[in-house]
Structures are given as structure tokens and as C-alpha cells.
Amino acid sequence: MASRINKNLLKQETLKAQTEAIRKEAYSFAREVLEEKKQIYLNEIENHPVSIELKNGAEGENISRTLNGEGNLFSFIGFNQGDDPVGEVIGYIKTNTNLKETSSKGGVFRFQVLTPNLDELKSITPMPFEGGNSWLKGVEKGISGFSNYLYGLIFPRSRSGRAIQTENRIRRGNYKPVKYFSFLYNKFIESFK
């Protein structure tokens, strides 16, 4: 005895299977685009003068020009020898930048890129000597203490080994804020529009 095929049910199931296959393909394509743009973003962070200066540690030069060529950001901020503040930021962004499907209708699939912003990164970028403040934000907004910053050959009690904050003011001038993470973050987000 031959069974009857429900044409409407067959059509719905076929359409459902096709839509799922297209959704998977769309997600795969969106993921490729994200990974490509994420790599560009991470490279731009890594190759920014602030990042290079921080990676060079206490021995580096002030290539970001934030300190008028005096010392370097690594020792001024007060990182400990061996710290890798930029590596921590890059690692966090790598791990926490993802793709989320937001909607699908009529064969159109929409995805959202989720990536840490400056406020989210505050928790992993604390100033070594100031609780609650972020060095990542400070680079862009300003960091106090430049007038008391003394960079020298060797300071055994220094976190970085190369600089200290003196009790007395030793220079005029201020830290010069520079565009850094926010600029690169906005550029990354804009690249998807």
C-alpha cells in the first residue's frame, strides 16, 4: 500500500533545511570577515606607538611623545619588571570578541560583533599605584604625577627598576594625552558598517 506524501509538509521541511544550510553559510562567512577585521584591529593595537613603548619596558624610549621624551610610559605608569600590559589587553580582546546572530528573516541574516570597549577593559587595566583608575583610559585622558617623575639609571625600590616619583616637583609640564584604544576601537566598529 502506497502512502500519501503531504506536499505542504515536504515543502516546509525542504525550505527549513535550505534556510538552515544558508544560515550556516552566512555565519561562516560573517565569522571569516570578523576574524580578518579582528586581526587587523589587534595588529593596529600592537603596532601603535603607545603599545610599542609599553612592550619595550622600562628601557624603552618615549616614542608616544606623551612625556616630552623623558623616560617612558612603562616606568611612568609604574608597571613591574616583566609585566605585559598590552599582551593582557590583546589577549582579552581575542578571547572576548565574538559574533552573535541577532535576527533572520526572509533569507536575510544579521549578526552583531561583540567586543570589549574601554569601560569593560577598565577592570583588567588598573593603574599599579591607583586603585580604580585604568592606565588604558589614563593614556588618553591624562595621568597625574609627571612633574614628580624621575627617570634614571637604576632605582632598586622602583617597580620598573628605572623610575620613581619624588616628593618634590622636579619639572614643569604635564603628561600629554594621546589617542589610543578608543580611536582604534571606534575604527574597528566602524569597519562593519
Protein backbone atom coordinates (compact mmCIF):
# COMPACT_ATOMS: atom_id res chain seq x y z
CA MET A 1 0.00 0.00 0.00
CA ALA A 2 1.45 3.35 -1.04
CA SER A 3 1.46 6.16 1.48
CA ARG A 4 0.45 9.64 0.59
CA ILE A 5 3.02 12.47 0.79
CA ASN A 6 1.91 15.67 2.43
CA LYS A 7 3.21 18.19 -0.12
CA ASN A 8 2.89 21.16 2.23
CA LEU A 9 4.86 19.41 4.95
CA LEU A 10 7.52 18.34 2.46
CA LYS A 11 7.78 21.90 1.14
CA GLN A 12 8.11 23.32 4.69
CA GLU A 13 10.77 20.80 5.67
CA THR A 14 12.73 21.39 2.45
CA LEU A 15 12.60 25.16 2.96
CA LYS A 16 13.62 24.76 6.59
CA ALA A 17 16.64 22.61 5.61
CA GLN A 18 17.67 25.07 2.89
CA THR A 19 17.34 28.02 5.26
CA GLU A 20 19.46 26.27 7.89
CA ALA A 21 22.15 25.49 5.30
CA ILE A 22 22.16 29.12 4.15
CA ARG A 23 22.25 30.34 7.77
CA LYS A 24 25.31 28.18 8.45
CA GLU A 25 26.99 29.50 5.31
CA ALA A 26 26.13 33.10 6.25
CA TYR A 27 27.51 32.58 9.76
CA SER A 28 30.69 31.03 8.36
CA PHE A 29 31.15 33.97 6.01
CA ALA A 30 30.45 36.52 8.78
CA ARG A 31 32.94 34.69 11.03
CA GLU A 32 35.63 34.94 8.32
CA VAL A 33 35.01 38.67 7.96
CA LEU A 34 35.17 39.11 11.73
CA GLU A 35 38.43 37.17 12.05
CA GLU A 36 40.03 39.16 9.23
CA LYS A 37 38.99 42.52 10.70
CA LYS A 38 39.87 41.40 14.24
CA GLN A 39 43.40 40.54 13.14
CA ILE A 40 43.80 44.00 11.56
CA TYR A 41 42.45 45.57 14.78
CA LEU A 42 44.82 43.61 17.00
CA ASN A 43 47.77 44.42 14.73
CA GLU A 44 46.89 48.12 14.92
CA ILE A 45 46.80 47.95 18.71
CA GLU A 46 50.08 46.04 18.83
CA ASN A 47 51.84 48.44 16.44
CA HIS A 48 50.58 51.68 17.98
CA PRO A 49 53.43 53.80 19.45
CA VAL A 50 51.93 53.52 22.97
CA SER A 51 51.89 49.71 22.72
CA ILE A 52 55.40 49.53 21.34
CA GLU A 53 56.66 51.81 24.10
CA LEU A 54 54.97 49.70 26.79
CA LYS A 55 56.27 46.46 25.26
CA ASN A 56 59.82 47.85 25.36
CA GLY A 57 59.52 48.06 29.14
CA ALA A 58 61.49 50.32 31.43
CA GLU A 59 64.36 50.56 28.94
CA GLY A 60 62.23 51.89 26.09
CA GLU A 61 62.10 55.37 24.62
CA ASN A 62 59.14 57.73 24.84
CA ILE A 63 58.10 57.23 21.19
CA SER A 64 54.49 58.15 22.04
CA ARG A 65 55.71 61.67 22.95
CA THR A 66 53.41 61.65 25.99
CA LEU A 67 56.28 62.52 28.35
CA ASN A 68 58.20 65.06 26.24
CA GLY A 69 60.84 62.39 25.58
CA GLU A 70 61.53 61.92 29.33
CA GLY A 71 61.73 58.24 30.30
CA ASN A 72 58.87 56.05 29.08
CA LEU A 73 55.27 55.12 29.77
CA PHE A 74 56.14 51.74 31.28
CA SER A 75 58.16 53.25 34.12
CA PHE A 76 55.97 56.37 34.44
CA ILE A 77 52.79 54.32 34.91
CA GLY A 78 54.71 52.14 37.37
CA PHE A 79 54.49 48.66 35.90
CA ASN A 80 56.60 45.95 37.46
CA GLN A 81 59.51 44.48 35.57
CA GLY A 82 58.18 41.62 33.46
CA ASP A 83 54.62 42.97 33.20
CA ASP A 84 52.98 42.78 29.77
CA PRO A 85 50.06 45.22 29.93
CA VAL A 86 49.49 45.29 26.17
CA GLY A 87 49.57 41.50 25.93
CA GLU A 88 46.84 41.31 28.57
CA VAL A 89 44.62 43.71 26.63
CA ILE A 90 45.19 41.90 23.33
CA GLY A 91 44.55 38.50 24.93
CA TYR A 92 41.31 39.74 26.49
CA ILE A 93 40.10 41.20 23.19
CA LYS A 94 40.99 37.98 21.32
CA THR A 95 39.03 35.87 23.78
CA ASN A 96 36.06 38.20 24.14
CA THR A 97 35.42 39.32 20.56
CA ASN A 98 32.63 37.20 19.17
CA LEU A 99 29.84 37.05 16.65
CA LYS A 100 26.18 36.76 17.59
CA GLU A 101 23.27 36.18 15.23
CA THR A 102 20.66 38.82 16.00
CA SER A 103 17.92 38.05 13.51
CA SER A 104 16.98 36.20 10.36
CA LYS A 105 14.00 36.84 8.16
CA GLY A 106 13.30 36.04 4.55
CA GLY A 107 16.79 34.74 3.87
CA VAL A 108 18.48 37.81 5.40
CA PHE A 109 20.73 37.06 8.35
CA ARG A 110 22.03 39.75 10.71
CA PHE A 111 24.97 39.39 13.03
CA GLN A 112 26.37 41.54 15.80
CA VAL A 113 30.03 41.87 16.74
CA LEU A 114 30.59 41.80 20.48
CA THR A 115 33.97 43.17 21.61
CA PRO A 116 35.20 44.78 24.83
CA ASN A 117 35.01 48.56 24.99
CA LEU A 118 37.08 50.88 27.16
CA ASP A 119 34.73 50.60 30.13
CA GLU A 120 34.87 46.79 30.01
CA LEU A 121 38.67 46.85 29.83
CA LYS A 122 38.98 49.06 32.92
CA SER A 123 38.85 46.01 35.18
CA ILE A 124 41.90 44.40 33.57
CA THR A 125 43.92 47.61 33.15
CA PRO A 126 44.30 49.04 36.67
CA MET A 127 46.98 51.61 37.39
CA PRO A 128 49.60 49.84 39.53
CA PHE A 129 49.56 52.65 42.11
CA GLU A 130 45.99 54.00 41.87
CA GLY A 131 43.10 51.71 42.66
CA GLY A 132 40.06 52.22 40.46
CA ASN A 133 41.83 54.07 37.66
CA SER A 134 42.74 52.46 34.36
CA TRP A 135 46.07 53.03 32.65
CA LEU A 136 44.34 52.37 29.30
CA LYS A 137 41.95 55.24 29.94
CA GLY A 138 44.69 57.38 31.50
CA VAL A 139 46.82 57.21 28.35
CA GLU A 140 44.00 59.03 26.54
CA LYS A 141 42.64 61.27 29.31
CA GLY A 142 45.80 62.11 31.24
CA ILE A 143 47.91 60.68 34.05
CA SER A 144 48.99 62.79 37.01
CA GLY A 145 52.46 62.87 38.52
CA PHE A 146 54.63 63.85 35.55
CA SER A 147 56.10 66.84 37.41
CA ASN A 148 57.42 64.44 40.09
CA TYR A 149 58.56 61.66 37.73
CA LEU A 150 62.29 60.93 37.85
CA TYR A 151 63.71 58.54 35.30
CA GLY A 152 67.26 57.38 35.86
CA LEU A 153 69.77 54.61 35.59
CA ILE A 154 68.74 52.29 38.43
CA PHE A 155 66.31 52.69 41.32
CA PRO A 156 66.29 49.42 43.31
CA ARG A 157 62.99 50.24 45.07
CA SER A 158 61.25 51.13 41.84
CA ARG A 159 58.62 48.74 40.42
CA SER A 160 60.10 49.08 36.96
CA GLY A 161 63.69 49.44 38.21
CA ARG A 162 64.21 52.70 36.29
CA ALA A 163 61.96 55.45 37.72
CA ILE A 164 60.48 56.87 40.89
CA GLN A 165 58.01 59.56 41.94
CA THR A 166 59.77 62.21 44.02
CA GLU A 167 58.17 64.12 46.86
CA ASN A 168 59.19 67.43 45.32
CA ARG A 169 58.28 68.76 41.93
CA ILE A 170 61.26 68.44 39.58
CA ARG A 171 59.87 69.76 36.31
CA ARG A 172 57.18 71.84 34.73
CA GLY A 173 54.90 70.40 32.17
CA ASN A 174 52.24 67.79 32.03
CA TYR A 175 51.60 64.39 30.62
CA LYS A 176 50.30 64.71 27.05
CA PRO A 177 47.26 62.52 26.38
CA VAL A 178 47.25 60.66 23.07
CA LYS A 179 44.58 58.91 21.01
CA TYR A 180 45.00 55.22 21.56
CA PHE A 181 42.50 52.48 22.32
CA SER A 182 39.26 54.44 21.82
CA PHE A 183 40.38 55.55 18.37
CA LEU A 184 41.31 52.00 17.32
CA TYR A 185 38.14 50.54 18.88
CA ASN A 186 35.91 53.02 17.01
CA LYS A 187 37.77 52.32 13.77
CA PHE A 188 37.19 48.58 14.26
CA ILE A 189 33.48 49.02 14.96
CA GLU A 190 33.05 51.41 12.01
CA SER A 191 34.66 48.86 9.67
CA PHE A 192 31.49 46.73 9.95
CA LYS A 193 29.06 49.46 8.92
